[in-house]
Amino acid sequence: MRADEHKPNELLLPSSADDLKDRRDYDVEHYLRVLVTSYASRLRKAYTAEDFEQLFRVDEQLGLFDRPIESIQPIWIRYQATSA
């Protein structure tokens, strides 16, 4: 069987490390931005601006003035029910 032929539902494994590197053809930075803008941004109201930036920093670089993660607490948002 030739290398470019395969049976349906057959697991295809890369033949070399170079083939494996070529399979990662997606934009990692794009998916990180999507994660932060779509998922993590929903939590923006739950933390102070400084805490949010520290918790969801994309570059993962530690800041000089970062607080310990253990000391970060969510903001309590009170919900007031409307009387009917």
N, C-alpha and C. Protein backbone atom coordinates (compact mmCIF):
# COMPACT_ATOMS: atom_id res chain seq x y z
N MET A 1 0.84 -1.16 0.00
CA MET A 1 0.00 0.00 0.00
C MET A 1 0.89 1.24 0.00
N ARG A 2 0.56 2.20 -0.85
CA ARG A 2 1.35 3.43 -0.93
C ARG A 2 1.11 4.30 0.30
N ALA A 3 2.04 5.22 0.56
CA ALA A 3 1.94 6.08 1.75
C ALA A 3 0.72 6.99 1.70
N ASP A 4 0.29 7.39 0.47
CA ASP A 4 -0.85 8.29 0.39
C ASP A 4 -2.20 7.56 0.34
N GLU A 5 -2.17 6.23 0.39
CA GLU A 5 -3.40 5.45 0.41
C GLU A 5 -3.67 4.97 1.84
N HIS A 6 -4.93 4.98 2.23
CA HIS A 6 -5.28 4.45 3.54
C HIS A 6 -6.72 3.98 3.51
N LYS A 7 -7.03 3.11 4.42
CA LYS A 7 -8.38 2.59 4.53
C LYS A 7 -9.24 3.57 5.30
N PRO A 8 -10.56 3.62 5.03
CA PRO A 8 -11.43 4.48 5.83
C PRO A 8 -11.35 4.08 7.31
N ASN A 9 -11.44 5.08 8.18
CA ASN A 9 -11.40 4.89 9.64
C ASN A 9 -10.07 4.33 10.13
N GLU A 10 -9.05 4.39 9.32
CA GLU A 10 -7.73 3.91 9.73
C GLU A 10 -6.97 5.07 10.36
N LEU A 11 -6.34 4.82 11.48
CA LEU A 11 -5.58 5.84 12.18
C LEU A 11 -4.31 6.16 11.38
N LEU A 12 -4.12 7.44 11.06
CA LEU A 12 -2.93 7.85 10.33
C LEU A 12 -1.95 8.46 11.32
N LEU A 13 -0.76 7.93 11.37
CA LEU A 13 0.28 8.44 12.26
C LEU A 13 1.34 9.13 11.43
N PRO A 14 1.91 10.23 11.94
CA PRO A 14 2.99 10.89 11.21
C PRO A 14 4.20 9.97 11.12
N SER A 15 4.87 10.02 9.99
CA SER A 15 6.01 9.12 9.79
C SER A 15 7.31 9.70 10.35
N SER A 16 7.34 11.00 10.62
CA SER A 16 8.55 11.60 11.17
C SER A 16 8.18 12.80 12.04
N ALA A 17 9.17 13.31 12.75
CA ALA A 17 8.94 14.48 13.60
C ALA A 17 8.58 15.70 12.76
N ASP A 18 9.15 15.80 11.57
CA ASP A 18 8.84 16.93 10.69
C ASP A 18 7.37 16.91 10.26
N ASP A 19 6.84 15.71 10.00
CA ASP A 19 5.42 15.59 9.65
C ASP A 19 4.55 16.05 10.80
N LEU A 20 4.96 15.74 12.01
CA LEU A 20 4.19 16.13 13.19
C LEU A 20 4.20 17.64 13.35
N LYS A 21 5.34 18.29 13.12
CA LYS A 21 5.43 19.74 13.22
C LYS A 21 4.55 20.41 12.17
N ASP A 22 4.48 19.85 10.99
CA ASP A 22 3.67 20.43 9.92
C ASP A 22 2.18 20.35 10.21
N ARG A 23 1.76 19.42 11.06
CA ARG A 23 0.34 19.27 11.35
C ARG A 23 -0.19 20.40 12.22
N ARG A 24 0.68 21.09 12.91
CA ARG A 24 0.24 22.22 13.73
C ARG A 24 0.22 23.48 12.87
N ASP A 25 -0.75 23.52 11.96
CA ASP A 25 -0.82 24.62 11.01
C ASP A 25 -1.88 25.64 11.39
N TYR A 26 -2.29 25.67 12.66
CA TYR A 26 -3.29 26.63 13.10
C TYR A 26 -2.60 27.77 13.85
N ASP A 27 -3.29 28.88 13.96
CA ASP A 27 -2.75 30.08 14.59
C ASP A 27 -3.03 30.05 16.09
N VAL A 28 -2.05 29.68 16.88
CA VAL A 28 -2.20 29.56 18.33
C VAL A 28 -2.60 30.90 18.94
N GLU A 29 -1.99 31.98 18.51
CA GLU A 29 -2.31 33.30 19.06
C GLU A 29 -3.77 33.66 18.82
N HIS A 30 -4.29 33.30 17.67
CA HIS A 30 -5.70 33.56 17.36
C HIS A 30 -6.60 32.86 18.37
N TYR A 31 -6.34 31.60 18.63
CA TYR A 31 -7.19 30.85 19.56
C TYR A 31 -7.06 31.34 20.99
N LEU A 32 -5.90 31.83 21.37
CA LEU A 32 -5.75 32.43 22.70
C LEU A 32 -6.59 33.70 22.80
N ARG A 33 -6.56 34.55 21.75
CA ARG A 33 -7.38 35.76 21.75
C ARG A 33 -8.86 35.42 21.81
N VAL A 34 -9.28 34.41 21.06
CA VAL A 34 -10.69 34.00 21.07
C VAL A 34 -11.08 33.52 22.46
N LEU A 35 -10.22 32.76 23.09
CA LEU A 35 -10.51 32.27 24.44
C LEU A 35 -10.71 33.43 25.41
N VAL A 36 -9.81 34.40 25.36
CA VAL A 36 -9.90 35.53 26.29
C VAL A 36 -11.11 36.40 25.95
N THR A 37 -11.34 36.67 24.67
CA THR A 37 -12.44 37.58 24.33
C THR A 37 -13.80 36.93 24.47
N SER A 38 -13.91 35.64 24.28
CA SER A 38 -15.24 35.03 24.35
C SER A 38 -15.54 34.42 25.72
N TYR A 39 -14.61 33.70 26.27
CA TYR A 39 -14.88 33.00 27.53
C TYR A 39 -14.49 33.85 28.73
N ALA A 40 -13.24 34.24 28.80
CA ALA A 40 -12.75 34.94 29.98
C ALA A 40 -13.36 36.33 30.12
N SER A 41 -13.74 36.97 29.03
CA SER A 41 -14.30 38.31 29.14
C SER A 41 -15.64 38.30 29.87
N ARG A 42 -16.30 37.16 29.91
CA ARG A 42 -17.54 37.05 30.67
C ARG A 42 -17.29 37.23 32.17
N LEU A 43 -16.07 36.99 32.59
CA LEU A 43 -15.72 37.13 34.00
C LEU A 43 -15.18 38.52 34.34
N ARG A 44 -15.13 39.41 33.36
CA ARG A 44 -14.55 40.74 33.57
C ARG A 44 -15.24 41.49 34.71
N LYS A 45 -16.54 41.37 34.81
CA LYS A 45 -17.28 42.08 35.88
C LYS A 45 -17.07 41.45 37.25
N ALA A 46 -16.59 40.23 37.28
CA ALA A 46 -16.44 39.53 38.55
C ALA A 46 -15.17 39.92 39.30
N TYR A 47 -14.24 40.60 38.63
CA TYR A 47 -12.97 40.96 39.26
C TYR A 47 -12.66 42.43 38.99
N THR A 48 -11.81 43.00 39.81
CA THR A 48 -11.34 44.36 39.51
C THR A 48 -10.53 44.30 38.22
N ALA A 49 -10.35 45.44 37.58
CA ALA A 49 -9.63 45.48 36.30
C ALA A 49 -8.21 44.93 36.45
N GLU A 50 -7.54 45.29 37.53
CA GLU A 50 -6.16 44.83 37.75
C GLU A 50 -6.11 43.32 37.96
N ASP A 51 -7.05 42.81 38.75
CA ASP A 51 -7.08 41.37 39.01
C ASP A 51 -7.41 40.58 37.74
N PHE A 52 -8.36 41.08 36.95
CA PHE A 52 -8.71 40.40 35.70
C PHE A 52 -7.51 40.33 34.77
N GLU A 53 -6.81 41.45 34.62
CA GLU A 53 -5.63 41.46 33.74
C GLU A 53 -4.56 40.49 34.22
N GLN A 54 -4.41 40.38 35.53
CA GLN A 54 -3.42 39.45 36.06
C GLN A 54 -3.84 38.00 35.84
N LEU A 55 -5.10 37.69 36.09
CA LEU A 55 -5.58 36.32 35.97
C LEU A 55 -5.60 35.81 34.54
N PHE A 56 -5.96 36.69 33.61
CA PHE A 56 -6.17 36.25 32.22
C PHE A 56 -5.16 36.87 31.26
N ARG A 57 -3.97 37.10 31.74
CA ARG A 57 -2.89 37.65 30.91
C ARG A 57 -2.49 36.60 29.88
N VAL A 58 -2.52 36.98 28.61
CA VAL A 58 -2.26 36.02 27.53
C VAL A 58 -0.80 35.63 27.46
N ASP A 59 0.11 36.58 27.69
CA ASP A 59 1.53 36.27 27.54
C ASP A 59 2.13 35.51 28.71
N GLU A 60 1.35 35.33 29.79
CA GLU A 60 1.77 34.57 30.97
C GLU A 60 3.01 35.12 31.66
N GLN A 61 3.40 36.34 31.31
CA GLN A 61 4.56 36.96 31.93
C GLN A 61 4.15 37.50 33.30
N LEU A 62 4.90 37.15 34.33
CA LEU A 62 4.61 37.66 35.66
C LEU A 62 4.90 39.15 35.71
N GLY A 63 4.02 39.90 36.37
CA GLY A 63 4.21 41.33 36.52
C GLY A 63 5.00 41.64 37.77
N LEU A 64 5.65 42.77 37.76
CA LEU A 64 6.46 43.18 38.89
C LEU A 64 5.61 43.42 40.13
N PHE A 65 4.38 43.93 39.93
CA PHE A 65 3.53 44.28 41.05
C PHE A 65 2.31 43.37 41.17
N ASP A 66 2.38 42.16 40.64
CA ASP A 66 1.27 41.21 40.74
C ASP A 66 1.02 40.84 42.20
N ARG A 67 -0.25 40.71 42.53
CA ARG A 67 -0.62 40.24 43.86
C ARG A 67 -0.58 38.73 43.86
N PRO A 68 -0.44 38.12 45.03
CA PRO A 68 -0.52 36.66 45.09
C PRO A 68 -1.92 36.21 44.63
N ILE A 69 -1.98 35.17 43.84
CA ILE A 69 -3.24 34.67 43.30
C ILE A 69 -4.21 34.34 44.43
N GLU A 70 -3.69 33.84 45.54
CA GLU A 70 -4.55 33.46 46.66
C GLU A 70 -5.31 34.64 47.24
N SER A 71 -4.81 35.86 47.06
CA SER A 71 -5.46 37.03 47.64
C SER A 71 -6.52 37.64 46.72
N ILE A 72 -6.63 37.17 45.50
CA ILE A 72 -7.62 37.71 44.56
C ILE A 72 -8.99 37.10 44.85
N GLN A 73 -9.95 37.96 45.06
CA GLN A 73 -11.31 37.53 45.37
C GLN A 73 -12.28 38.14 44.36
N PRO A 74 -13.33 37.42 44.01
CA PRO A 74 -14.33 38.00 43.11
C PRO A 74 -15.11 39.11 43.81
N ILE A 75 -15.62 40.03 43.02
CA ILE A 75 -16.44 41.12 43.53
C ILE A 75 -17.85 40.58 43.71
N TRP A 76 -18.46 40.92 44.83
CA TRP A 76 -19.85 40.51 45.05
C TRP A 76 -20.76 41.48 44.32
N ILE A 77 -21.59 40.95 43.44
CA ILE A 77 -22.55 41.77 42.71
C ILE A 77 -23.93 41.43 43.25
N ARG A 78 -24.59 42.41 43.78
CA ARG A 78 -25.91 42.18 44.37
C ARG A 78 -26.99 42.29 43.31
N TYR A 79 -27.91 41.38 43.37
CA TYR A 79 -29.04 41.36 42.45
C TYR A 79 -30.27 41.81 43.20
N GLN A 80 -30.95 42.81 42.64
CA GLN A 80 -32.16 43.29 43.28
C GLN A 80 -33.35 42.86 42.43
N ALA A 81 -34.20 42.06 43.01
CA ALA A 81 -35.39 41.59 42.30
C ALA A 81 -36.40 42.73 42.21
N THR A 82 -37.04 42.83 41.09
CA THR A 82 -38.08 43.84 40.94
C THR A 82 -39.38 43.28 41.51
N SER A 83 -40.08 44.11 42.24
CA SER A 83 -41.35 43.65 42.82
C SER A 83 -42.45 43.78 41.78
N ALA A 84 -43.27 42.76 41.66
CA ALA A 84 -44.32 42.77 40.65
C ALA A 84 -45.67 43.09 41.24
